[in-house]
């Protein structure tokens, strides 16, 4: 099988139990947002109405804990502990067997190209965004045992939008994956931490940062890799102000997991959502239904670190220079591995913005 080729069995094929389990778990993962954001509040309100004396006190205690005691936890490193990167509070979820089945569905593979010493902090620039960042979850943040096998001593964090820590149930889901807020205060808290025994060295924290953001999703097409990167320089400034090393990451075939739908109805819904709520809904065709992605082979390649000197007030010239160097390293990483894992591409990697 070619490196980037997607082999899709007919939908009427009788899967073995393992294949069926993989499909169920991957579909469940995609529907997680519906489960936590929509169904959990509905179920809670119904339970409060039916069993008020039992449920109401529990809900009150949860609100005090989640939105009082732990209201700012996503800005303070999340649930993970620096001395227990794989087994901190809540990290058990990242090591469940669900992730092994998840990886097998996509025949996922992580490629290490260089060591990442644990005496530094890192920003892991992830490309492309795709729909659900399936390559990142399959090879990095989801199944941490795979990542830590290659990069021992590091403490992985997943940077995501602060709104994800405001929704009941959903916030715990992200915190259990090592989630932290993607705003500057949260990132600086993690990336400026020093080694407890040697303050001159970093704490070994590594933060995944999807540089292109959700905007990159709008350029998603199978067998392509169009990136929103030219205008994104905030991550380069963050690296300079914190002294964190930049590490490029490419997930090959991420855009092959779904196909954009040609539905006129969905196009109108997306137009309304973008103008009204300032976001777009995935209008996609999947593996038999919109919620099951195609089993594209997800190969995540992590490049060599770009070390920088901490600069409290970097100039525009310094930021531009680091940004250009990062693009150069990312491009070289793509050129090195494209013929191994992206053979059936219809275009080369492009920086569209």
C-alpha atoms as a PDB file:
ATOM      1  CA  UNK A   1       0.000   0.000   0.000  1.00  0.00           C
ATOM      2  CA  UNK A   2       1.306   3.451  -0.818  1.00  0.00           C
ATOM      3  CA  UNK A   3       2.227   5.715   2.067  1.00  0.00           C
ATOM      4  CA  UNK A   4      -0.627   8.178   1.599  1.00  0.00           C
ATOM      5  CA  UNK A   5      -3.159   5.839   0.032  1.00  0.00           C
ATOM      6  CA  UNK A   6      -6.540   5.384   1.676  1.00  0.00           C
ATOM      7  CA  UNK A   7      -8.010   1.912   1.329  1.00  0.00           C
ATOM      8  CA  UNK A   8     -11.754   1.991   2.009  1.00  0.00           C
ATOM      9  CA  UNK A   9     -13.568  -1.368   2.137  1.00  0.00           C
ATOM     10  CA  UNK A  10     -17.115  -1.533   0.744  1.00  0.00           C
ATOM     11  CA  UNK A  11     -19.745  -0.544   3.284  1.00  0.00           C
ATOM     12  CA  UNK A  12     -21.524  -3.886   2.955  1.00  0.00           C
ATOM     13  CA  UNK A  13     -18.372  -5.806   3.916  1.00  0.00           C
ATOM     14  CA  UNK A  14     -18.862  -7.966   7.016  1.00  0.00           C
ATOM     15  CA  UNK A  15     -16.351  -6.540   9.447  1.00  0.00           C
ATOM     16  CA  UNK A  16     -14.699  -8.636  12.095  1.00  0.00           C
ATOM     17  CA  UNK A  17     -15.513  -7.648  15.708  1.00  0.00           C
ATOM     18  CA  UNK A  18     -12.322  -5.597  16.039  1.00  0.00           C
ATOM     19  CA  UNK A  19     -13.136  -3.542  12.930  1.00  0.00           C
ATOM     20  CA  UNK A  20     -16.682  -2.956  14.139  1.00  0.00           C
ATOM     21  CA  UNK A  21     -15.376  -1.815  17.504  1.00  0.00           C
ATOM     22  CA  UNK A  22     -12.990   0.600  15.808  1.00  0.00           C
ATOM     23  CA  UNK A  23     -15.813   2.129  13.760  1.00  0.00           C
ATOM     24  CA  UNK A  24     -18.027   2.508  16.836  1.00  0.00           C
ATOM     25  CA  UNK A  25     -15.291   4.133  18.921  1.00  0.00           C
ATOM     26  CA  UNK A  26     -14.189   6.527  16.181  1.00  0.00           C
ATOM     27  CA  UNK A  27     -17.801   7.551  15.561  1.00  0.00           C
ATOM     28  CA  UNK A  28     -18.317   8.012  19.293  1.00  0.00           C
ATOM     29  CA  UNK A  29     -15.268  10.267  19.403  1.00  0.00           C
ATOM     30  CA  UNK A  30     -16.684  12.459  16.631  1.00  0.00           C
ATOM     31  CA  UNK A  31     -20.074  12.654  18.384  1.00  0.00           C
ATOM     32  CA  UNK A  32     -18.496  13.578  21.715  1.00  0.00           C
ATOM     33  CA  UNK A  33     -19.411  17.222  21.239  1.00  0.00           C
ATOM     34  CA  UNK A  34     -23.096  16.344  20.836  1.00  0.00           C
ATOM     35  CA  UNK A  35     -22.961  14.031  23.842  1.00  0.00           C
ATOM     36  CA  UNK A  36     -21.374  16.507  26.232  1.00  0.00           C
ATOM     37  CA  UNK A  37     -22.594  19.872  24.969  1.00  0.00           C
ATOM     38  CA  UNK A  38     -26.189  18.960  24.097  1.00  0.00           C
ATOM     39  CA  UNK A  39     -27.257  15.755  25.821  1.00  0.00           C
ATOM     40  CA  UNK A  40     -25.562  16.310  29.190  1.00  0.00           C
ATOM     41  CA  UNK A  41     -27.430  19.569  29.998  1.00  0.00           C
ATOM     42  CA  UNK A  42     -30.718  18.054  28.836  1.00  0.00           C
ATOM     43  CA  UNK A  43     -30.214  14.942  30.957  1.00  0.00           C
ATOM     44  CA  UNK A  44     -29.222  17.094  33.937  1.00  0.00           C
ATOM     45  CA  UNK A  45     -32.349  19.249  33.723  1.00  0.00           C
ATOM     46  CA  UNK A  46     -34.564  16.167  33.445  1.00  0.00           C
ATOM     47  CA  UNK A  47     -32.854  14.568  36.443  1.00  0.00           C
ATOM     48  CA  UNK A  48     -33.211  17.790  38.461  1.00  0.00           C
ATOM     49  CA  UNK A  49     -36.919  17.859  37.701  1.00  0.00           C
ATOM     50  CA  UNK A  50     -37.487  14.178  38.519  1.00  0.00           C
ATOM     51  CA  UNK A  51     -35.159  13.832  41.537  1.00  0.00           C
ATOM     52  CA  UNK A  52     -34.626  17.363  42.860  1.00  0.00           C
ATOM     53  CA  UNK A  53     -33.635  16.441  46.413  1.00  0.00           C
ATOM     54  CA  UNK A  54     -30.774  14.266  45.173  1.00  0.00           C
ATOM     55  CA  UNK A  55     -29.651  15.913  41.941  1.00  0.00           C
ATOM     56  CA  UNK A  56     -29.896  19.621  42.809  1.00  0.00           C
ATOM     57  CA  UNK A  57     -27.323  19.461  45.662  1.00  0.00           C
ATOM     58  CA  UNK A  58     -24.953  17.536  43.389  1.00  0.00           C
ATOM     59  CA  UNK A  59     -25.331  20.140  40.636  1.00  0.00           C
ATOM     60  CA  UNK A  60     -24.733  22.963  43.122  1.00  0.00           C
ATOM     61  CA  UNK A  61     -21.587  21.282  44.448  1.00  0.00           C
ATOM     62  CA  UNK A  62     -20.346  20.696  40.905  1.00  0.00           C
ATOM     63  CA  UNK A  63     -20.879  24.353  39.987  1.00  0.00           C
ATOM     64  CA  UNK A  64     -19.016  25.497  43.106  1.00  0.00           C
ATOM     65  CA  UNK A  65     -16.134  23.179  42.246  1.00  0.00           C
ATOM     66  CA  UNK A  66     -16.008  23.697  38.455  1.00  0.00           C
ATOM     67  CA  UNK A  67     -16.824  27.403  38.251  1.00  0.00           C
ATOM     68  CA  UNK A  68     -15.520  28.494  41.628  1.00  0.00           C
ATOM     69  CA  UNK A  69     -12.637  26.444  43.001  1.00  0.00           C
ATOM     70  CA  UNK A  70     -11.377  25.286  39.574  1.00  0.00           C
ATOM     71  CA  UNK A  71     -12.672  28.168  37.467  1.00  0.00           C
ATOM     72  CA  UNK A  72      -9.174  29.176  36.370  1.00  0.00           C
ATOM     73  CA  UNK A  73      -7.580  25.719  36.237  1.00  0.00           C
ATOM     74  CA  UNK A  74      -7.153  25.850  32.442  1.00  0.00           C
ATOM     75  CA  UNK A  75      -4.943  28.920  32.854  1.00  0.00           C
ATOM     76  CA  UNK A  76      -2.749  27.219  35.454  1.00  0.00           C
ATOM     77  CA  UNK A  77      -1.553  24.125  33.637  1.00  0.00           C
ATOM     78  CA  UNK A  78      -4.753  22.073  33.758  1.00  0.00           C
ATOM     79  CA  UNK A  79      -4.973  18.770  35.604  1.00  0.00           C
ATOM     80  CA  UNK A  80      -1.578  17.333  34.723  1.00  0.00           C
ATOM     81  CA  UNK A  81       1.269  17.264  37.227  1.00  0.00           C
ATOM     82  CA  UNK A  82       4.789  18.113  36.107  1.00  0.00           C
ATOM     83  CA  UNK A  83       6.346  15.164  37.922  1.00  0.00           C
ATOM     84  CA  UNK A  84       3.819  12.667  36.514  1.00  0.00           C
ATOM     85  CA  UNK A  85       3.348  13.517  32.835  1.00  0.00           C
ATOM     86  CA  UNK A  86       1.425  10.377  31.914  1.00  0.00           C
ATOM     87  CA  UNK A  87      -0.477   9.740  35.119  1.00  0.00           C
ATOM     88  CA  UNK A  88      -1.441  13.074  36.647  1.00  0.00           C
ATOM     89  CA  UNK A  89      -5.013  13.688  37.856  1.00  0.00           C
ATOM     90  CA  UNK A  90      -7.373  13.002  34.985  1.00  0.00           C
ATOM     91  CA  UNK A  91      -4.637  11.662  32.715  1.00  0.00           C
ATOM     92  CA  UNK A  92      -6.067   8.150  32.976  1.00  0.00           C
ATOM     93  CA  UNK A  93      -8.456   9.020  30.160  1.00  0.00           C
ATOM     94  CA  UNK A  94      -5.581   9.579  27.752  1.00  0.00           C
ATOM     95  CA  UNK A  95      -4.369   6.020  28.318  1.00  0.00           C
ATOM     96  CA  UNK A  96      -7.648   4.131  27.907  1.00  0.00           C
ATOM     97  CA  UNK A  97      -7.720   1.254  25.420  1.00  0.00           C
ATOM     98  CA  UNK A  98     -10.109   3.302  23.267  1.00  0.00           C
ATOM     99  CA  UNK A  99      -7.082   5.096  21.858  1.00  0.00           C
ATOM    100  CA  UNK A 100      -5.423   1.865  20.719  1.00  0.00           C
ATOM    101  CA  UNK A 101      -8.532   0.970  18.698  1.00  0.00           C
ATOM    102  CA  UNK A 102      -8.708   4.568  17.491  1.00  0.00           C
ATOM    103  CA  UNK A 103      -5.124   4.369  16.208  1.00  0.00           C
ATOM    104  CA  UNK A 104      -5.662   0.999  14.556  1.00  0.00           C
ATOM    105  CA  UNK A 105      -8.680   2.313  12.630  1.00  0.00           C
ATOM    106  CA  UNK A 106      -6.435   4.876  10.937  1.00  0.00           C
ATOM    107  CA  UNK A 107      -3.326   2.667  10.909  1.00  0.00           C
ATOM    108  CA  UNK A 108      -1.786   5.621  12.712  1.00  0.00           C
ATOM    109  CA  UNK A 109       1.954   6.003  13.014  1.00  0.00           C
ATOM    110  CA  UNK A 110       4.212   8.507  14.791  1.00  0.00           C
ATOM    111  CA  UNK A 111       7.577   9.365  13.218  1.00  0.00           C
ATOM    112  CA  UNK A 112      10.303  10.865  15.396  1.00  0.00           C
ATOM    113  CA  UNK A 113      13.063  12.763  13.588  1.00  0.00           C
ATOM    114  CA  UNK A 114      15.022  14.242  16.506  1.00  0.00           C
ATOM    115  CA  UNK A 115      15.283  14.151  20.277  1.00  0.00           C
ATOM    116  CA  UNK A 116      13.474  16.727  22.392  1.00  0.00           C
ATOM    117  CA  UNK A 117      15.551  17.114  25.577  1.00  0.00           C
ATOM    118  CA  UNK A 118      13.449  17.330  28.719  1.00  0.00           C
ATOM    119  CA  UNK A 119      15.359  20.362  30.042  1.00  0.00           C
ATOM    120  CA  UNK A 120      13.535  22.732  27.697  1.00  0.00           C
ATOM    121  CA  UNK A 121       9.961  23.829  27.013  1.00  0.00           C
ATOM    122  CA  UNK A 122       8.416  23.441  23.556  1.00  0.00           C
ATOM    123  CA  UNK A 123       5.657  24.730  21.294  1.00  0.00           C
ATOM    124  CA  UNK A 124       4.529  21.926  18.994  1.00  0.00           C
ATOM    125  CA  UNK A 125       3.143  23.599  15.866  1.00  0.00           C
ATOM    126  CA  UNK A 126       0.532  21.227  14.402  1.00  0.00           C
ATOM    127  CA  UNK A 127      -0.453  21.164  10.704  1.00  0.00           C
ATOM    128  CA  UNK A 128      -2.979  20.862   9.156  1.00  0.00           C
ATOM    129  CA  UNK A 129      -6.063  21.535  11.273  1.00  0.00           C
ATOM    130  CA  UNK A 130      -8.365  19.218   9.318  1.00  0.00           C
ATOM    131  CA  UNK A 131     -11.772  18.672  10.904  1.00  0.00           C
ATOM    132  CA  UNK A 132     -11.173  17.032  14.269  1.00  0.00           C
ATOM    133  CA  UNK A 133      -7.361  16.958  14.505  1.00  0.00           C
ATOM    134  CA  UNK A 134      -7.553  13.185  14.250  1.00  0.00           C
ATOM    135  CA  UNK A 135      -3.832  12.730  13.591  1.00  0.00           C
ATOM    136  CA  UNK A 136      -2.919  14.700  16.709  1.00  0.00           C
ATOM    137  CA  UNK A 137      -5.313  12.716  18.876  1.00  0.00           C
ATOM    138  CA  UNK A 138      -4.290   9.372  17.396  1.00  0.00           C
ATOM    139  CA  UNK A 139      -0.539   9.886  17.656  1.00  0.00           C
ATOM    140  CA  UNK A 140       0.108  12.553  20.289  1.00  0.00           C
ATOM    141  CA  UNK A 141      -2.456  13.786  22.808  1.00  0.00           C
ATOM    142  CA  UNK A 142      -4.825  10.830  22.776  1.00  0.00           C
ATOM    143  CA  UNK A 143      -2.585   7.821  23.229  1.00  0.00           C
ATOM    144  CA  UNK A 144       0.128   9.395  25.351  1.00  0.00           C
ATOM    145  CA  UNK A 145       1.967   6.143  25.945  1.00  0.00           C
ATOM    146  CA  UNK A 146       3.020   6.238  22.266  1.00  0.00           C
ATOM    147  CA  UNK A 147       4.239   9.833  22.500  1.00  0.00           C
ATOM    148  CA  UNK A 148       6.072   9.375  25.803  1.00  0.00           C
ATOM    149  CA  UNK A 149       7.817   6.270  24.474  1.00  0.00           C
ATOM    150  CA  UNK A 150       9.527   8.494  21.898  1.00  0.00           C
ATOM    151  CA  UNK A 151       9.858  11.590  24.078  1.00  0.00           C
ATOM    152  CA  UNK A 152      10.371  10.567  27.713  1.00  0.00           C
ATOM    153  CA  UNK A 153      10.414  13.209  30.419  1.00  0.00           C
ATOM    154  CA  UNK A 154       8.149  15.692  28.643  1.00  0.00           C
ATOM    155  CA  UNK A 155       4.816  16.947  29.986  1.00  0.00           C
ATOM    156  CA  UNK A 156       2.260  17.250  27.207  1.00  0.00           C
ATOM    157  CA  UNK A 157      -0.505  19.875  27.108  1.00  0.00           C
ATOM    158  CA  UNK A 158      -3.262  20.406  24.538  1.00  0.00           C
ATOM    159  CA  UNK A 159      -4.056  24.093  23.923  1.00  0.00           C
ATOM    160  CA  UNK A 160      -7.687  24.741  23.020  1.00  0.00           C
ATOM    161  CA  UNK A 161     -10.248  27.556  23.073  1.00  0.00           C
ATOM    162  CA  UNK A 162     -11.230  28.851  26.540  1.00  0.00           C
ATOM    163  CA  UNK A 163     -14.928  28.275  25.735  1.00  0.00           C
ATOM    164  CA  UNK A 164     -14.254  24.537  25.978  1.00  0.00           C
ATOM    165  CA  UNK A 165     -13.636  24.986  29.715  1.00  0.00           C
ATOM    166  CA  UNK A 166     -16.940  26.753  30.329  1.00  0.00           C
ATOM    167  CA  UNK A 167     -19.252  23.901  29.379  1.00  0.00           C
ATOM    168  CA  UNK A 168     -20.139  21.248  32.007  1.00  0.00           C
ATOM    169  CA  UNK A 169     -18.815  17.807  31.178  1.00  0.00           C
ATOM    170  CA  UNK A 170     -17.038  19.110  28.108  1.00  0.00           C
ATOM    171  CA  UNK A 171     -14.516  20.954  30.308  1.00  0.00           C
ATOM    172  CA  UNK A 172     -13.672  17.719  32.154  1.00  0.00           C
ATOM    173  CA  UNK A 173     -13.280  15.935  28.830  1.00  0.00           C
ATOM    174  CA  UNK A 174     -10.621  18.401  27.673  1.00  0.00           C
ATOM    175  CA  UNK A 175      -8.937  18.624  31.064  1.00  0.00           C
ATOM    176  CA  UNK A 176      -8.636  14.833  31.086  1.00  0.00           C
ATOM    177  CA  UNK A 177      -6.723  15.101  27.803  1.00  0.00           C
ATOM    178  CA  UNK A 178      -4.278  17.577  29.311  1.00  0.00           C
ATOM    179  CA  UNK A 179      -6.153  20.598  27.996  1.00  0.00           C
ATOM    180  CA  UNK A 180      -5.193  24.186  28.778  1.00  0.00           C
ATOM    181  CA  UNK A 181      -6.461  27.503  27.422  1.00  0.00           C
ATOM    182  CA  UNK A 182      -4.960  28.781  24.195  1.00  0.00           C
ATOM    183  CA  UNK A 183      -4.852  32.395  25.395  1.00  0.00           C
ATOM    184  CA  UNK A 184      -1.489  34.029  26.102  1.00  0.00           C
ATOM    185  CA  UNK A 185      -1.748  33.986  29.917  1.00  0.00           C
ATOM    186  CA  UNK A 186      -2.362  30.244  29.969  1.00  0.00           C
ATOM    187  CA  UNK A 187       0.405  29.440  27.486  1.00  0.00           C
ATOM    188  CA  UNK A 188       2.961  31.638  29.222  1.00  0.00           C
ATOM    189  CA  UNK A 189       2.175  29.993  32.562  1.00  0.00           C
ATOM    190  CA  UNK A 190       3.195  26.606  31.149  1.00  0.00           C
ATOM    191  CA  UNK A 191       5.999  27.677  28.817  1.00  0.00           C
ATOM    192  CA  UNK A 192       7.816  29.825  31.373  1.00  0.00           C
ATOM    193  CA  UNK A 193       7.998  27.099  34.014  1.00  0.00           C
ATOM    194  CA  UNK A 194      11.507  26.115  35.081  1.00  0.00           C
ATOM    195  CA  UNK A 195      13.050  22.878  36.285  1.00  0.00           C
ATOM    196  CA  UNK A 196      12.533  22.571  40.047  1.00  0.00           C
ATOM    197  CA  UNK A 197      16.119  21.427  40.668  1.00  0.00           C
ATOM    198  CA  UNK A 198      17.782  23.752  38.131  1.00  0.00           C
ATOM    199  CA  UNK A 199      16.045  27.105  37.481  1.00  0.00           C
ATOM    200  CA  UNK A 200      18.294  27.732  34.471  1.00  0.00           C
ATOM    201  CA  UNK A 201      16.549  24.929  32.561  1.00  0.00           C
ATOM    202  CA  UNK A 202      13.005  24.434  31.316  1.00  0.00           C
ATOM    203  CA  UNK A 203      10.456  22.164  32.987  1.00  0.00           C
ATOM    204  CA  UNK A 204      10.034  19.888  29.953  1.00  0.00           C
ATOM    205  CA  UNK A 205       6.560  21.188  29.089  1.00  0.00           C
ATOM    206  CA  UNK A 206       5.380  20.785  25.498  1.00  0.00           C
ATOM    207  CA  UNK A 207       2.204  22.468  24.256  1.00  0.00           C
ATOM    208  CA  UNK A 208       0.371  21.457  21.077  1.00  0.00           C
ATOM    209  CA  UNK A 209      -0.711  24.546  19.162  1.00  0.00           C
ATOM    210  CA  UNK A 210      -2.771  24.299  15.965  1.00  0.00           C
ATOM    211  CA  UNK A 211      -1.291  27.334  14.244  1.00  0.00           C
ATOM    212  CA  UNK A 212      -3.782  27.593  11.366  1.00  0.00           C
ATOM    213  CA  UNK A 213      -6.800  27.493  13.656  1.00  0.00           C
ATOM    214  CA  UNK A 214     -10.337  26.692  12.549  1.00  0.00           C
ATOM    215  CA  UNK A 215      -9.910  28.967   9.517  1.00  0.00           C
ATOM    216  CA  UNK A 216      -7.642  26.325   7.999  1.00  0.00           C
ATOM    217  CA  UNK A 217     -10.579  23.924   7.953  1.00  0.00           C
ATOM    218  CA  UNK A 218     -12.267  26.030   5.262  1.00  0.00           C
ATOM    219  CA  UNK A 219      -9.444  25.107   2.848  1.00  0.00           C
ATOM    220  CA  UNK A 220      -9.682  21.380   3.526  1.00  0.00           C
ATOM    221  CA  UNK A 221      -9.766  19.165   0.439  1.00  0.00           C
ATOM    222  CA  UNK A 222      -8.749  15.486   0.153  1.00  0.00           C
ATOM    223  CA  UNK A 223      -5.172  14.827  -0.955  1.00  0.00           C
ATOM    224  CA  UNK A 224      -4.135  18.444  -0.388  1.00  0.00           C
ATOM    225  CA  UNK A 225      -2.390  20.387   2.374  1.00  0.00           C
ATOM    226  CA  UNK A 226      -3.290  24.075   2.287  1.00  0.00           C
ATOM    227  CA  UNK A 227      -2.083  25.872   5.420  1.00  0.00           C
ATOM    228  CA  UNK A 228      -2.965  29.186   7.037  1.00  0.00           C
ATOM    229  CA  UNK A 229       0.484  30.192   8.233  1.00  0.00           C
ATOM    230  CA  UNK A 230       1.837  33.269   6.470  1.00  0.00           C
ATOM    231  CA  UNK A 231      -0.197  35.679   8.601  1.00  0.00           C
ATOM    232  CA  UNK A 232       0.107  33.689  11.845  1.00  0.00           C
ATOM    233  CA  UNK A 233       3.071  35.094  13.761  1.00  0.00           C
ATOM    234  CA  UNK A 234       1.771  35.081  17.316  1.00  0.00           C
ATOM    235  CA  UNK A 235       3.280  31.664  18.018  1.00  0.00           C
ATOM    236  CA  UNK A 236       6.722  32.936  16.957  1.00  0.00           C
ATOM    237  CA  UNK A 237       6.409  35.897  19.316  1.00  0.00           C
ATOM    238  CA  UNK A 238       5.285  33.541  22.089  1.00  0.00           C
ATOM    239  CA  UNK A 239       8.372  31.376  21.544  1.00  0.00           C
ATOM    240  CA  UNK A 240      10.637  34.399  21.859  1.00  0.00           C
ATOM    241  CA  UNK A 241       8.981  35.853  24.965  1.00  0.00           C
ATOM    242  CA  UNK A 242       8.983  32.504  26.779  1.00  0.00           C
ATOM    243  CA  UNK A 243      12.196  31.019  25.396  1.00  0.00           C
ATOM    244  CA  UNK A 244      10.308  27.901  24.289  1.00  0.00           C
ATOM    245  CA  UNK A 245      11.671  25.961  21.319  1.00  0.00           C
ATOM    246  CA  UNK A 246       9.496  25.647  18.215  1.00  0.00           C
ATOM    247  CA  UNK A 247       8.845  22.161  16.843  1.00  0.00           C
ATOM    248  CA  UNK A 248       7.027  21.636  13.501  1.00  0.00           C
ATOM    249  CA  UNK A 249       4.583  18.749  13.153  1.00  0.00           C
ATOM    250  CA  UNK A 250       2.792  17.437  10.065  1.00  0.00           C
ATOM    251  CA  UNK A 251      -0.050  14.916  10.076  1.00  0.00           C
ATOM    252  CA  UNK A 252      -0.123  13.445   6.588  1.00  0.00           C
ATOM    253  CA  UNK A 253      -3.545  12.505   5.134  1.00  0.00           C
ATOM    254  CA  UNK A 254      -5.441  14.468   7.801  1.00  0.00           C
ATOM    255  CA  UNK A 255      -7.559  16.051   5.067  1.00  0.00           C
ATOM    256  CA  UNK A 256      -8.478  12.628   3.647  1.00  0.00           C
ATOM    257  CA  UNK A 257     -10.614  11.667   6.646  1.00  0.00           C
ATOM    258  CA  UNK A 258     -13.676  13.475   5.250  1.00  0.00           C
ATOM    259  CA  UNK A 259     -14.866  14.885   1.944  1.00  0.00           C
ATOM    260  CA  UNK A 260     -16.516  18.318   1.715  1.00  0.00           C
ATOM    261  CA  UNK A 261     -20.205  17.961   0.926  1.00  0.00           C
ATOM    262  CA  UNK A 262     -21.734  19.551  -2.171  1.00  0.00           C
ATOM    263  CA  UNK A 263     -25.073  19.975  -0.389  1.00  0.00           C
ATOM    264  CA  UNK A 264     -26.604  23.379  -1.147  1.00  0.00           C
ATOM    265  CA  UNK A 265     -28.598  23.194   2.087  1.00  0.00           C
ATOM    266  CA  UNK A 266     -25.480  22.694   4.211  1.00  0.00           C
ATOM    267  CA  UNK A 267     -23.757  25.506   2.343  1.00  0.00           C
ATOM    268  CA  UNK A 268     -26.587  27.871   3.288  1.00  0.00           C
ATOM    269  CA  UNK A 269     -26.514  26.681   6.898  1.00  0.00           C
ATOM    270  CA  UNK A 270     -22.781  27.365   7.022  1.00  0.00           C
ATOM    271  CA  UNK A 271     -23.237  30.826   5.534  1.00  0.00           C
ATOM    272  CA  UNK A 272     -25.814  31.636   8.207  1.00  0.00           C
ATOM    273  CA  UNK A 273     -23.654  30.200  11.014  1.00  0.00           C
ATOM    274  CA  UNK A 274     -20.605  32.167   9.892  1.00  0.00           C
ATOM    275  CA  UNK A 275     -22.467  35.487   9.637  1.00  0.00           C
ATOM    276  CA  UNK A 276     -24.429  34.998  12.863  1.00  0.00           C
ATOM    277  CA  UNK A 277     -22.165  33.019  15.203  1.00  0.00           C
ATOM    278  CA  UNK A 278     -18.768  33.585  13.507  1.00  0.00           C
ATOM    279  CA  UNK A 279     -17.988  29.894  13.012  1.00  0.00           C
ATOM    280  CA  UNK A 280     -18.640  27.268  10.361  1.00  0.00           C
ATOM    281  CA  UNK A 281     -20.196  23.856  10.774  1.00  0.00           C
ATOM    282  CA  UNK A 282     -18.511  20.879   9.099  1.00  0.00           C
ATOM    283  CA  UNK A 283     -20.488  20.148   5.921  1.00  0.00           C
ATOM    284  CA  UNK A 284     -18.955  16.768   5.214  1.00  0.00           C
ATOM    285  CA  UNK A 285     -19.378  13.347   3.696  1.00  0.00           C
ATOM    286  CA  UNK A 286     -17.921  10.520   5.745  1.00  0.00           C
ATOM    287  CA  UNK A 287     -17.625   6.759   5.702  1.00  0.00           C
ATOM    288  CA  UNK A 288     -21.285   5.904   5.144  1.00  0.00           C
ATOM    289  CA  UNK A 289     -22.490   8.825   7.276  1.00  0.00           C
ATOM    290  CA  UNK A 290     -21.245  12.329   8.174  1.00  0.00           C
ATOM    291  CA  UNK A 291     -20.029  11.213  11.612  1.00  0.00           C
ATOM    292  CA  UNK A 292     -17.646   8.396  10.691  1.00  0.00           C
ATOM    293  CA  UNK A 293     -14.386   9.501   9.044  1.00  0.00           C
ATOM    294  CA  UNK A 294     -12.749   7.547   6.260  1.00  0.00           C
ATOM    295  CA  UNK A 295      -9.924   5.291   7.523  1.00  0.00           C
ATOM    296  CA  UNK A 296      -7.123   7.324   5.972  1.00  0.00           C
ATOM    297  CA  UNK A 297      -3.645   6.363   7.126  1.00  0.00           C
ATOM    298  CA  UNK A 298      -2.643   9.068   9.612  1.00  0.00           C
ATOM    299  CA  UNK A 299       1.115   9.498   9.839  1.00  0.00           C
ATOM    300  CA  UNK A 300       2.321  12.236  12.169  1.00  0.00           C
ATOM    301  CA  UNK A 301       5.907  13.413  11.696  1.00  0.00           C
ATOM    302  CA  UNK A 302       7.513  15.531  14.418  1.00  0.00           C
ATOM    303  CA  UNK A 303      10.474  17.614  13.306  1.00  0.00           C
ATOM    304  CA  UNK A 304      13.603  18.877  15.025  1.00  0.00           C
ATOM    305  CA  UNK A 305      13.379  21.698  17.573  1.00  0.00           C
ATOM    306  CA  UNK A 306      14.223  25.284  16.698  1.00  0.00           C
ATOM    307  CA  UNK A 307      15.872  26.648  19.827  1.00  0.00           C
ATOM    308  CA  UNK A 308      15.511  30.346  20.612  1.00  0.00           C
ATOM    309  CA  UNK A 309      16.849  32.747  23.207  1.00  0.00           C
ATOM    310  CA  UNK A 310      14.244  34.249  25.519  1.00  0.00           C
ATOM    311  CA  UNK A 311      13.561  37.888  24.633  1.00  0.00           C
ATOM    312  CA  UNK A 312      11.120  39.819  26.795  1.00  0.00           C
ATOM    313  CA  UNK A 313      10.411  42.462  24.130  1.00  0.00           C
ATOM    314  CA  UNK A 314      11.122  40.939  20.701  1.00  0.00           C
ATOM    315  CA  UNK A 315      11.225  43.269  17.714  1.00  0.00           C
ATOM    316  CA  UNK A 316       9.172  42.765  14.565  1.00  0.00           C
ATOM    317  CA  UNK A 317      12.384  41.816  12.770  1.00  0.00           C
ATOM    318  CA  UNK A 318      13.131  39.068  15.304  1.00  0.00           C
ATOM    319  CA  UNK A 319       9.594  37.721  15.061  1.00  0.00           C
ATOM    320  CA  UNK A 320       9.685  37.746  11.254  1.00  0.00           C
ATOM    321  CA  UNK A 321      13.067  36.004  11.199  1.00  0.00           C
ATOM    322  CA  UNK A 322      11.884  33.203  13.485  1.00  0.00           C
ATOM    323  CA  UNK A 323       8.626  32.896  11.546  1.00  0.00           C
ATOM    324  CA  UNK A 324      10.538  32.506   8.265  1.00  0.00           C
ATOM    325  CA  UNK A 325      12.869  29.948   9.796  1.00  0.00           C
ATOM    326  CA  UNK A 326       9.908  27.934  11.076  1.00  0.00           C
ATOM    327  CA  UNK A 327       8.303  27.926   7.625  1.00  0.00           C
ATOM    328  CA  UNK A 328      11.624  26.790   6.138  1.00  0.00           C
ATOM    329  CA  UNK A 329      11.920  23.911   8.631  1.00  0.00           C
ATOM    330  CA  UNK A 330       8.281  22.913   8.107  1.00  0.00           C
ATOM    331  CA  UNK A 331       8.722  22.924   4.331  1.00  0.00           C
ATOM    332  CA  UNK A 332      11.851  20.782   4.560  1.00  0.00           C
ATOM    333  CA  UNK A 333      10.001  18.338   6.816  1.00  0.00           C
ATOM    334  CA  UNK A 334       7.223  18.079   4.241  1.00  0.00           C
ATOM    335  CA  UNK A 335       9.641  17.615   1.338  1.00  0.00           C
ATOM    336  CA  UNK A 336      11.518  14.882   3.207  1.00  0.00           C
ATOM    337  CA  UNK A 337       8.486  12.721   3.947  1.00  0.00           C
ATOM    338  CA  UNK A 338       5.878  13.556   1.302  1.00  0.00           C
ATOM    339  CA  UNK A 339       6.905  10.696  -1.003  1.00  0.00           C
ATOM    340  CA  UNK A 340       6.754   8.204   1.853  1.00  0.00           C
ATOM    341  CA  UNK A 341       3.381   9.148   3.348  1.00  0.00           C
ATOM    342  CA  UNK A 342       1.629  11.476   0.869  1.00  0.00           C
ATOM    343  CA  UNK A 343       2.177   9.778  -2.465  1.00  0.00           C
ATOM    344  CA  UNK A 344      -1.316  10.201  -3.909  1.00  0.00           C
ATOM    345  CA  UNK A 345      -1.434  13.981  -3.347  1.00  0.00           C
ATOM    346  CA  UNK A 346      -2.982  16.116  -6.074  1.00  0.00           C
ATOM    347  CA  UNK A 347      -1.040  19.229  -5.076  1.00  0.00           C
ATOM    348  CA  UNK A 348       1.934  20.179  -2.941  1.00  0.00           C
ATOM    349  CA  UNK A 349       1.768  21.863   0.459  1.00  0.00           C
ATOM    350  CA  UNK A 350       0.715  25.488   0.024  1.00  0.00           C
ATOM    351  CA  UNK A 351       0.637  28.477   2.358  1.00  0.00           C
ATOM    352  CA  UNK A 352      -2.666  30.040   1.311  1.00  0.00           C
ATOM    353  CA  UNK A 353      -2.670  32.850   3.883  1.00  0.00           C
END
